[in-house]
Amino acid sequence: MEAGHERGLRVTVHTTQQAAAREAIEAGADGLEHGVTVEPLTDHSLIDLMLERGITYTPTLWMDDAHPDARGNLEKVAEAGVHIALGSDTFSGRGLFGANTLEEAALMVAAGMTPAQVLAAGTSGASRQCVRPDLGAVAPASAPTCSY
């Protein structure tokens, strides 16, 4: 993780269990890919740790929705105010790149996030996690100026 941080990158770790998520965060990870999917998230101090460390939680419901706790866990971390990003592993597995992203967005709404929260997760949330402040803003275009 040190090598990534030395280069100004955020480091993410693939997890599915609470213990692994805690271990990754305590070791210096900046984000969790998948998060906690195979068990209910019952460790509220883990959510507090995510908030304290500015962790980005990137679910992959389109892949992990078969786990009955994946949606509820996303809802818990989103309600707590943990940073959420949309986009992990949308290029792999079944389906097509892009279509998987749309499915993920719909599943995030089904998990209790608002459409506006999901839009933010796919734009500014993802750009934050990728350390790309030049991307991820949805804003009106500025009006062209004319000079005579």
N, C-alpha and C. Protein backbone atom coordinates (compact mmCIF):
# COMPACT_ATOMS: atom_id res chain seq x y z
N MET A 1 0.82 -1.19 0.00
CA MET A 1 0.00 0.00 0.00
C MET A 1 0.87 1.25 0.00
N GLU A 2 2.02 1.14 0.62
CA GLU A 2 2.90 2.31 0.69
C GLU A 2 3.30 2.79 -0.70
N ALA A 3 3.59 1.86 -1.61
CA ALA A 3 4.02 2.24 -2.95
C ALA A 3 2.93 3.04 -3.66
N GLY A 4 1.70 2.62 -3.53
CA GLY A 4 0.59 3.37 -4.14
C GLY A 4 0.44 4.73 -3.52
N HIS A 5 0.49 4.79 -2.21
CA HIS A 5 0.34 6.08 -1.53
C HIS A 5 1.48 7.02 -1.86
N GLU A 6 2.69 6.49 -2.01
CA GLU A 6 3.84 7.33 -2.39
C GLU A 6 3.65 7.96 -3.76
N ARG A 7 2.86 7.34 -4.61
CA ARG A 7 2.59 7.86 -5.95
C ARG A 7 1.29 8.65 -6.03
N GLY A 8 0.70 8.92 -4.88
CA GLY A 8 -0.53 9.71 -4.85
C GLY A 8 -1.77 8.94 -5.23
N LEU A 9 -1.69 7.62 -5.20
CA LEU A 9 -2.83 6.78 -5.56
C LEU A 9 -3.57 6.31 -4.33
N ARG A 10 -4.84 6.08 -4.49
CA ARG A 10 -5.63 5.45 -3.43
C ARG A 10 -5.56 3.94 -3.65
N VAL A 11 -5.47 3.22 -2.57
CA VAL A 11 -5.31 1.76 -2.62
C VAL A 11 -6.61 1.11 -2.18
N THR A 12 -7.08 0.17 -2.98
CA THR A 12 -8.30 -0.55 -2.63
C THR A 12 -8.01 -2.04 -2.47
N VAL A 13 -8.84 -2.69 -1.68
CA VAL A 13 -8.67 -4.11 -1.39
C VAL A 13 -10.02 -4.79 -1.63
N HIS A 14 -9.98 -5.94 -2.27
CA HIS A 14 -11.19 -6.73 -2.47
C HIS A 14 -11.49 -7.50 -1.19
N THR A 15 -12.69 -7.29 -0.67
CA THR A 15 -13.11 -7.97 0.55
C THR A 15 -14.53 -8.48 0.38
N THR A 16 -14.91 -9.41 1.24
CA THR A 16 -16.30 -9.86 1.29
C THR A 16 -16.77 -10.06 2.72
N GLN A 17 -15.86 -10.02 3.69
CA GLN A 17 -16.18 -10.27 5.09
C GLN A 17 -15.76 -9.09 5.95
N GLN A 18 -16.41 -8.93 7.09
CA GLN A 18 -16.10 -7.84 8.01
C GLN A 18 -14.65 -7.88 8.49
N ALA A 19 -14.17 -9.05 8.88
CA ALA A 19 -12.81 -9.16 9.41
C ALA A 19 -11.78 -8.73 8.37
N ALA A 20 -11.98 -9.15 7.13
CA ALA A 20 -11.05 -8.77 6.05
C ALA A 20 -11.13 -7.28 5.77
N ALA A 21 -12.32 -6.72 5.83
CA ALA A 21 -12.49 -5.28 5.61
C ALA A 21 -11.76 -4.49 6.69
N ARG A 22 -11.91 -4.89 7.92
CA ARG A 22 -11.22 -4.21 9.02
C ARG A 22 -9.71 -4.32 8.86
N GLU A 23 -9.24 -5.52 8.55
CA GLU A 23 -7.80 -5.74 8.39
C GLU A 23 -7.24 -4.85 7.27
N ALA A 24 -7.96 -4.76 6.17
CA ALA A 24 -7.51 -3.94 5.04
C ALA A 24 -7.44 -2.46 5.43
N ILE A 25 -8.47 -1.98 6.10
CA ILE A 25 -8.50 -0.57 6.50
C ILE A 25 -7.39 -0.28 7.50
N GLU A 26 -7.23 -1.14 8.47
CA GLU A 26 -6.18 -0.93 9.47
C GLU A 26 -4.79 -1.01 8.87
N ALA A 27 -4.64 -1.73 7.75
CA ALA A 27 -3.34 -1.82 7.07
C ALA A 27 -3.09 -0.61 6.17
N GLY A 28 -4.10 0.25 6.00
CA GLY A 28 -3.91 1.47 5.23
C GLY A 28 -4.69 1.57 3.93
N ALA A 29 -5.59 0.63 3.66
CA ALA A 29 -6.40 0.71 2.44
C ALA A 29 -7.27 1.95 2.47
N ASP A 30 -7.53 2.48 1.28
CA ASP A 30 -8.39 3.65 1.14
C ASP A 30 -9.79 3.29 0.70
N GLY A 31 -9.96 2.07 0.19
CA GLY A 31 -11.26 1.67 -0.31
C GLY A 31 -11.45 0.17 -0.25
N LEU A 32 -12.71 -0.21 -0.26
CA LEU A 32 -13.10 -1.62 -0.25
C LEU A 32 -13.87 -1.92 -1.52
N GLU A 33 -13.37 -2.83 -2.31
CA GLU A 33 -14.09 -3.32 -3.48
C GLU A 33 -14.94 -4.49 -3.01
N HIS A 34 -16.19 -4.47 -3.27
CA HIS A 34 -17.21 -5.42 -2.84
C HIS A 34 -17.71 -5.08 -1.44
N GLY A 35 -16.82 -4.75 -0.52
CA GLY A 35 -17.22 -4.42 0.84
C GLY A 35 -17.45 -5.66 1.66
N VAL A 36 -18.61 -5.73 2.27
CA VAL A 36 -19.01 -6.90 3.07
C VAL A 36 -20.25 -7.46 2.38
N THR A 37 -20.12 -8.65 1.83
CA THR A 37 -21.22 -9.19 1.04
C THR A 37 -21.73 -10.54 1.52
N VAL A 38 -20.91 -11.32 2.21
CA VAL A 38 -21.28 -12.71 2.51
C VAL A 38 -21.81 -12.90 3.92
N GLU A 39 -21.96 -11.81 4.65
CA GLU A 39 -22.49 -11.87 6.02
C GLU A 39 -23.10 -10.51 6.33
N PRO A 40 -24.01 -10.47 7.29
CA PRO A 40 -24.56 -9.17 7.65
C PRO A 40 -23.50 -8.31 8.32
N LEU A 41 -23.47 -7.04 8.00
CA LEU A 41 -22.53 -6.11 8.61
C LEU A 41 -23.10 -5.73 9.98
N THR A 42 -22.54 -6.32 11.01
CA THR A 42 -23.03 -6.11 12.38
C THR A 42 -22.05 -5.32 13.23
N ASP A 43 -20.83 -5.13 12.75
CA ASP A 43 -19.79 -4.44 13.49
C ASP A 43 -19.89 -2.94 13.22
N HIS A 44 -20.61 -2.24 14.07
CA HIS A 44 -20.82 -0.81 13.85
C HIS A 44 -19.52 -0.02 13.98
N SER A 45 -18.56 -0.55 14.75
CA SER A 45 -17.27 0.14 14.85
C SER A 45 -16.52 0.08 13.52
N LEU A 46 -16.82 -0.91 12.68
CA LEU A 46 -16.22 -0.98 11.35
C LEU A 46 -16.74 0.17 10.48
N ILE A 47 -18.01 0.45 10.57
CA ILE A 47 -18.58 1.58 9.84
C ILE A 47 -17.96 2.88 10.35
N ASP A 48 -17.80 3.00 11.66
CA ASP A 48 -17.16 4.19 12.23
C ASP A 48 -15.73 4.33 11.70
N LEU A 49 -15.01 3.21 11.59
CA LEU A 49 -13.64 3.23 11.07
C LEU A 49 -13.63 3.68 9.60
N MET A 50 -14.60 3.22 8.82
CA MET A 50 -14.71 3.65 7.42
C MET A 50 -14.89 5.16 7.34
N LEU A 51 -15.73 5.69 8.19
CA LEU A 51 -15.98 7.13 8.20
C LEU A 51 -14.73 7.89 8.65
N GLU A 52 -14.10 7.42 9.70
CA GLU A 52 -12.92 8.07 10.26
C GLU A 52 -11.78 8.12 9.24
N ARG A 53 -11.61 7.05 8.46
CA ARG A 53 -10.49 6.96 7.52
C ARG A 53 -10.85 7.44 6.11
N GLY A 54 -12.09 7.85 5.89
CA GLY A 54 -12.49 8.32 4.57
C GLY A 54 -12.51 7.22 3.52
N ILE A 55 -12.89 6.04 3.92
CA ILE A 55 -12.91 4.87 3.04
C ILE A 55 -13.98 5.02 1.97
N THR A 56 -13.68 4.53 0.77
CA THR A 56 -14.68 4.43 -0.29
C THR A 56 -15.14 2.99 -0.37
N TYR A 57 -16.43 2.79 -0.30
CA TYR A 57 -17.07 1.47 -0.36
C TYR A 57 -17.63 1.31 -1.76
N THR A 58 -17.09 0.36 -2.53
CA THR A 58 -17.53 0.17 -3.90
C THR A 58 -18.18 -1.21 -4.02
N PRO A 59 -19.50 -1.26 -3.92
CA PRO A 59 -20.17 -2.55 -3.99
C PRO A 59 -20.13 -3.11 -5.41
N THR A 60 -20.36 -4.35 -5.53
CA THR A 60 -20.54 -4.98 -6.84
C THR A 60 -21.79 -5.84 -6.75
N LEU A 61 -22.90 -5.19 -6.55
CA LEU A 61 -24.16 -5.91 -6.39
C LEU A 61 -24.50 -6.73 -7.62
N TRP A 62 -24.13 -6.26 -8.79
CA TRP A 62 -24.47 -7.01 -10.00
C TRP A 62 -23.81 -8.38 -9.99
N MET A 63 -22.71 -8.53 -9.25
CA MET A 63 -22.06 -9.84 -9.12
C MET A 63 -22.44 -10.51 -7.80
N ASP A 64 -22.61 -9.72 -6.74
CA ASP A 64 -22.78 -10.26 -5.39
C ASP A 64 -24.22 -10.23 -4.90
N ASP A 65 -25.17 -9.88 -5.74
CA ASP A 65 -26.55 -9.74 -5.28
C ASP A 65 -27.14 -11.08 -4.84
N ALA A 66 -26.52 -12.17 -5.21
CA ALA A 66 -26.99 -13.49 -4.77
C ALA A 66 -26.80 -13.65 -3.26
N HIS A 67 -25.86 -12.90 -2.69
CA HIS A 67 -25.67 -12.95 -1.24
C HIS A 67 -26.76 -12.11 -0.59
N PRO A 68 -27.53 -12.70 0.30
CA PRO A 68 -28.69 -11.97 0.84
C PRO A 68 -28.35 -10.73 1.66
N ASP A 69 -27.11 -10.59 2.10
CA ASP A 69 -26.75 -9.44 2.93
C ASP A 69 -26.14 -8.29 2.16
N ALA A 70 -25.80 -8.49 0.89
CA ALA A 70 -25.07 -7.47 0.13
C ALA A 70 -25.83 -6.15 0.05
N ARG A 71 -27.12 -6.19 -0.25
CA ARG A 71 -27.91 -4.95 -0.36
C ARG A 71 -28.06 -4.26 0.98
N GLY A 72 -28.38 -5.02 2.01
CA GLY A 72 -28.56 -4.44 3.33
C GLY A 72 -27.29 -3.79 3.86
N ASN A 73 -26.16 -4.40 3.56
CA ASN A 73 -24.88 -3.83 4.00
C ASN A 73 -24.59 -2.52 3.28
N LEU A 74 -24.89 -2.47 1.99
CA LEU A 74 -24.72 -1.22 1.25
C LEU A 74 -25.62 -0.15 1.85
N GLU A 75 -26.85 -0.50 2.13
CA GLU A 75 -27.78 0.47 2.71
C GLU A 75 -27.24 1.01 4.03
N LYS A 76 -26.67 0.14 4.87
CA LYS A 76 -26.12 0.56 6.17
C LYS A 76 -24.98 1.56 6.00
N VAL A 77 -24.04 1.25 5.11
CA VAL A 77 -22.89 2.15 4.97
C VAL A 77 -23.30 3.45 4.29
N ALA A 78 -24.22 3.39 3.34
CA ALA A 78 -24.69 4.61 2.67
C ALA A 78 -25.43 5.51 3.66
N GLU A 79 -26.30 4.93 4.47
CA GLU A 79 -27.04 5.72 5.47
C GLU A 79 -26.10 6.36 6.49
N ALA A 80 -24.98 5.68 6.79
CA ALA A 80 -24.02 6.21 7.76
C ALA A 80 -23.19 7.35 7.18
N GLY A 81 -23.17 7.48 5.84
CA GLY A 81 -22.41 8.55 5.20
C GLY A 81 -21.05 8.13 4.67
N VAL A 82 -20.81 6.82 4.58
CA VAL A 82 -19.56 6.33 4.01
C VAL A 82 -19.54 6.72 2.53
N HIS A 83 -18.37 7.09 2.01
CA HIS A 83 -18.23 7.40 0.58
C HIS A 83 -18.54 6.13 -0.23
N ILE A 84 -19.35 6.29 -1.27
CA ILE A 84 -19.74 5.17 -2.13
C ILE A 84 -19.28 5.50 -3.55
N ALA A 85 -18.74 4.49 -4.23
CA ALA A 85 -18.40 4.63 -5.65
C ALA A 85 -19.08 3.52 -6.43
N LEU A 86 -19.41 3.77 -7.65
CA LEU A 86 -19.98 2.79 -8.55
C LEU A 86 -18.94 2.49 -9.62
N GLY A 87 -18.72 1.21 -9.90
CA GLY A 87 -17.85 0.90 -11.02
C GLY A 87 -16.96 -0.31 -10.89
N SER A 88 -16.84 -0.90 -9.74
CA SER A 88 -15.91 -2.01 -9.58
C SER A 88 -16.35 -3.23 -10.39
N ASP A 89 -15.41 -3.80 -11.12
CA ASP A 89 -15.61 -5.06 -11.85
C ASP A 89 -16.74 -5.01 -12.86
N THR A 90 -17.09 -3.84 -13.34
CA THR A 90 -18.18 -3.78 -14.31
C THR A 90 -17.75 -4.29 -15.67
N PHE A 91 -16.47 -4.60 -15.81
CA PHE A 91 -15.92 -5.08 -17.07
C PHE A 91 -15.78 -6.59 -17.13
N SER A 92 -16.08 -7.28 -16.05
CA SER A 92 -15.80 -8.72 -16.00
C SER A 92 -17.08 -9.52 -15.77
N GLY A 93 -16.93 -10.81 -15.91
CA GLY A 93 -18.05 -11.70 -15.64
C GLY A 93 -19.07 -11.68 -16.76
N ARG A 94 -20.29 -11.98 -16.40
CA ARG A 94 -21.38 -12.02 -17.38
C ARG A 94 -21.74 -10.60 -17.80
N GLY A 95 -22.46 -10.51 -18.86
CA GLY A 95 -22.92 -9.20 -19.30
C GLY A 95 -21.87 -8.44 -20.08
N LEU A 96 -22.18 -7.22 -20.37
CA LEU A 96 -21.31 -6.37 -21.17
C LEU A 96 -20.89 -5.14 -20.38
N PHE A 97 -19.69 -4.66 -20.70
CA PHE A 97 -19.23 -3.42 -20.10
C PHE A 97 -20.27 -2.34 -20.40
N GLY A 98 -20.63 -1.60 -19.42
CA GLY A 98 -21.68 -0.59 -19.59
C GLY A 98 -23.01 -1.11 -19.12
N ALA A 99 -23.45 -2.25 -19.65
CA ALA A 99 -24.71 -2.84 -19.21
C ALA A 99 -24.61 -3.25 -17.75
N ASN A 100 -23.44 -3.76 -17.36
CA ASN A 100 -23.24 -4.13 -15.96
C ASN A 100 -23.32 -2.90 -15.06
N THR A 101 -22.84 -1.78 -15.53
CA THR A 101 -22.89 -0.54 -14.77
C THR A 101 -24.34 -0.10 -14.56
N LEU A 102 -25.15 -0.22 -15.61
CA LEU A 102 -26.56 0.14 -15.49
C LEU A 102 -27.28 -0.79 -14.52
N GLU A 103 -26.95 -2.08 -14.58
CA GLU A 103 -27.54 -3.04 -13.64
C GLU A 103 -27.11 -2.70 -12.22
N GLU A 104 -25.84 -2.36 -12.04
CA GLU A 104 -25.34 -1.99 -10.71
C GLU A 104 -26.09 -0.78 -10.17
N ALA A 105 -26.29 0.22 -11.00
CA ALA A 105 -27.00 1.42 -10.57
C ALA A 105 -28.42 1.07 -10.12
N ALA A 106 -29.11 0.26 -10.88
CA ALA A 106 -30.47 -0.13 -10.51
C ALA A 106 -30.49 -0.92 -9.20
N LEU A 107 -29.52 -1.80 -9.02
CA LEU A 107 -29.45 -2.58 -7.78
C LEU A 107 -29.11 -1.71 -6.58
N MET A 108 -28.30 -0.67 -6.80
CA MET A 108 -27.98 0.26 -5.71
C MET A 108 -29.23 1.00 -5.26
N VAL A 109 -30.09 1.38 -6.20
CA VAL A 109 -31.36 2.02 -5.85
C VAL A 109 -32.25 1.01 -5.12
N ALA A 110 -32.27 -0.23 -5.60
CA ALA A 110 -33.07 -1.26 -4.94
C ALA A 110 -32.56 -1.53 -3.52
N ALA A 111 -31.29 -1.25 -3.27
CA ALA A 111 -30.72 -1.44 -1.94
C ALA A 111 -31.03 -0.28 -1.00
N GLY A 112 -31.69 0.76 -1.51
CA GLY A 112 -32.10 1.85 -0.64
C GLY A 112 -31.44 3.19 -0.92
N MET A 113 -30.48 3.23 -1.84
CA MET A 113 -29.88 4.51 -2.19
C MET A 113 -30.83 5.27 -3.10
N THR A 114 -30.79 6.59 -3.04
CA THR A 114 -31.62 7.38 -3.93
C THR A 114 -30.95 7.45 -5.30
N PRO A 115 -31.72 7.72 -6.35
CA PRO A 115 -31.09 7.89 -7.66
C PRO A 115 -30.00 8.97 -7.65
N ALA A 116 -30.20 10.04 -6.89
CA ALA A 116 -29.18 11.09 -6.81
C ALA A 116 -27.91 10.56 -6.15
N GLN A 117 -28.04 9.75 -5.12
CA GLN A 117 -26.87 9.15 -4.47
C GLN A 117 -26.13 8.23 -5.43
N VAL A 118 -26.86 7.48 -6.23
CA VAL A 118 -26.24 6.58 -7.19
C VAL A 118 -25.53 7.37 -8.29
N LEU A 119 -26.16 8.44 -8.75
CA LEU A 119 -25.51 9.30 -9.74
C LEU A 119 -24.20 9.86 -9.18
N ALA A 120 -24.22 10.29 -7.93
CA ALA A 120 -23.00 10.80 -7.30
C ALA A 120 -21.96 9.69 -7.16
N ALA A 121 -22.39 8.48 -6.84
CA ALA A 121 -21.45 7.35 -6.71
C ALA A 121 -20.76 7.05 -8.03
N GLY A 122 -21.49 7.21 -9.13
CA GLY A 122 -20.92 6.93 -10.45
C GLY A 122 -20.13 8.07 -11.05
N THR A 123 -20.20 9.23 -10.45
CA THR A 123 -19.48 10.39 -10.99
C THR A 123 -18.43 10.86 -9.98
N SER A 124 -18.81 11.73 -9.07
CA SER A 124 -17.84 12.29 -8.12
C SER A 124 -17.28 11.24 -7.17
N GLY A 125 -18.09 10.24 -6.79
CA GLY A 125 -17.58 9.17 -5.91
C GLY A 125 -16.50 8.36 -6.58
N ALA A 126 -16.70 8.03 -7.84
CA ALA A 126 -15.70 7.27 -8.58
C ALA A 126 -14.46 8.11 -8.86
N SER A 127 -14.65 9.39 -9.21
CA SER A 127 -13.48 10.23 -9.49
C SER A 127 -12.67 10.47 -8.22
N ARG A 128 -13.33 10.57 -7.08
CA ARG A 128 -12.62 10.72 -5.81
C ARG A 128 -11.76 9.49 -5.56
N GLN A 129 -12.34 8.32 -5.74
CA GLN A 129 -11.59 7.09 -5.49
C GLN A 129 -10.41 6.94 -6.45
N CYS A 130 -10.55 7.41 -7.65
CA CYS A 130 -9.48 7.31 -8.64
C CYS A 130 -8.51 8.49 -8.60
N VAL A 131 -8.71 9.40 -7.66
CA VAL A 131 -7.89 10.60 -7.52
C VAL A 131 -7.86 11.36 -8.86
N ARG A 132 -9.05 11.59 -9.40
CA ARG A 132 -9.20 12.31 -10.67
C ARG A 132 -10.17 13.46 -10.47
N PRO A 133 -9.73 14.54 -9.82
CA PRO A 133 -10.63 15.67 -9.60
C PRO A 133 -11.06 16.36 -10.89
N ASP A 134 -10.40 16.04 -12.00
CA ASP A 134 -10.77 16.63 -13.28
C ASP A 134 -11.96 15.92 -13.91
N LEU A 135 -12.40 14.83 -13.32
CA LEU A 135 -13.54 14.06 -13.83
C LEU A 135 -14.62 13.98 -12.76
N GLY A 136 -15.81 13.59 -13.18
CA GLY A 136 -16.84 13.24 -12.21
C GLY A 136 -17.82 14.31 -11.84
N ALA A 137 -17.77 15.46 -12.49
CA ALA A 137 -18.73 16.52 -12.16
C ALA A 137 -19.85 16.53 -13.19
N VAL A 138 -21.06 16.64 -12.71
CA VAL A 138 -22.21 16.83 -13.58
C VAL A 138 -22.68 18.24 -13.31
N ALA A 139 -22.52 19.10 -14.28
CA ALA A 139 -22.84 20.52 -14.09
C ALA A 139 -23.33 21.08 -15.41
N PRO A 140 -24.12 22.15 -15.32
CA PRO A 140 -24.56 22.77 -16.57
C PRO A 140 -23.35 23.33 -17.33
N ALA A 141 -23.44 23.25 -18.61
CA ALA A 141 -22.38 23.82 -19.45
C ALA A 141 -22.43 25.33 -19.32
N SER A 142 -21.29 25.93 -19.33
CA SER A 142 -21.27 27.40 -19.26
C SER A 142 -21.70 27.97 -20.61
N ALA A 143 -22.38 29.08 -20.53
CA ALA A 143 -22.86 29.72 -21.75
C ALA A 143 -21.67 30.30 -22.52
N PRO A 144 -21.69 30.18 -23.82
CA PRO A 144 -20.59 30.77 -24.60
C PRO A 144 -20.62 32.29 -24.47
N THR A 145 -19.47 32.86 -24.49
CA THR A 145 -19.39 34.32 -24.41
C THR A 145 -19.05 34.86 -25.78
N CYS A 146 -19.55 36.00 -26.07
CA CYS A 146 -19.27 36.66 -27.34
C CYS A 146 -18.61 38.00 -27.07
N SER A 147 -17.63 38.30 -27.87
CA SER A 147 -17.04 39.64 -27.76
C SER A 147 -17.06 40.24 -29.17
N TYR A 148 -17.44 41.48 -29.22
CA TYR A 148 -17.56 42.16 -30.53
C TYR A 148 -16.52 43.20 -30.65
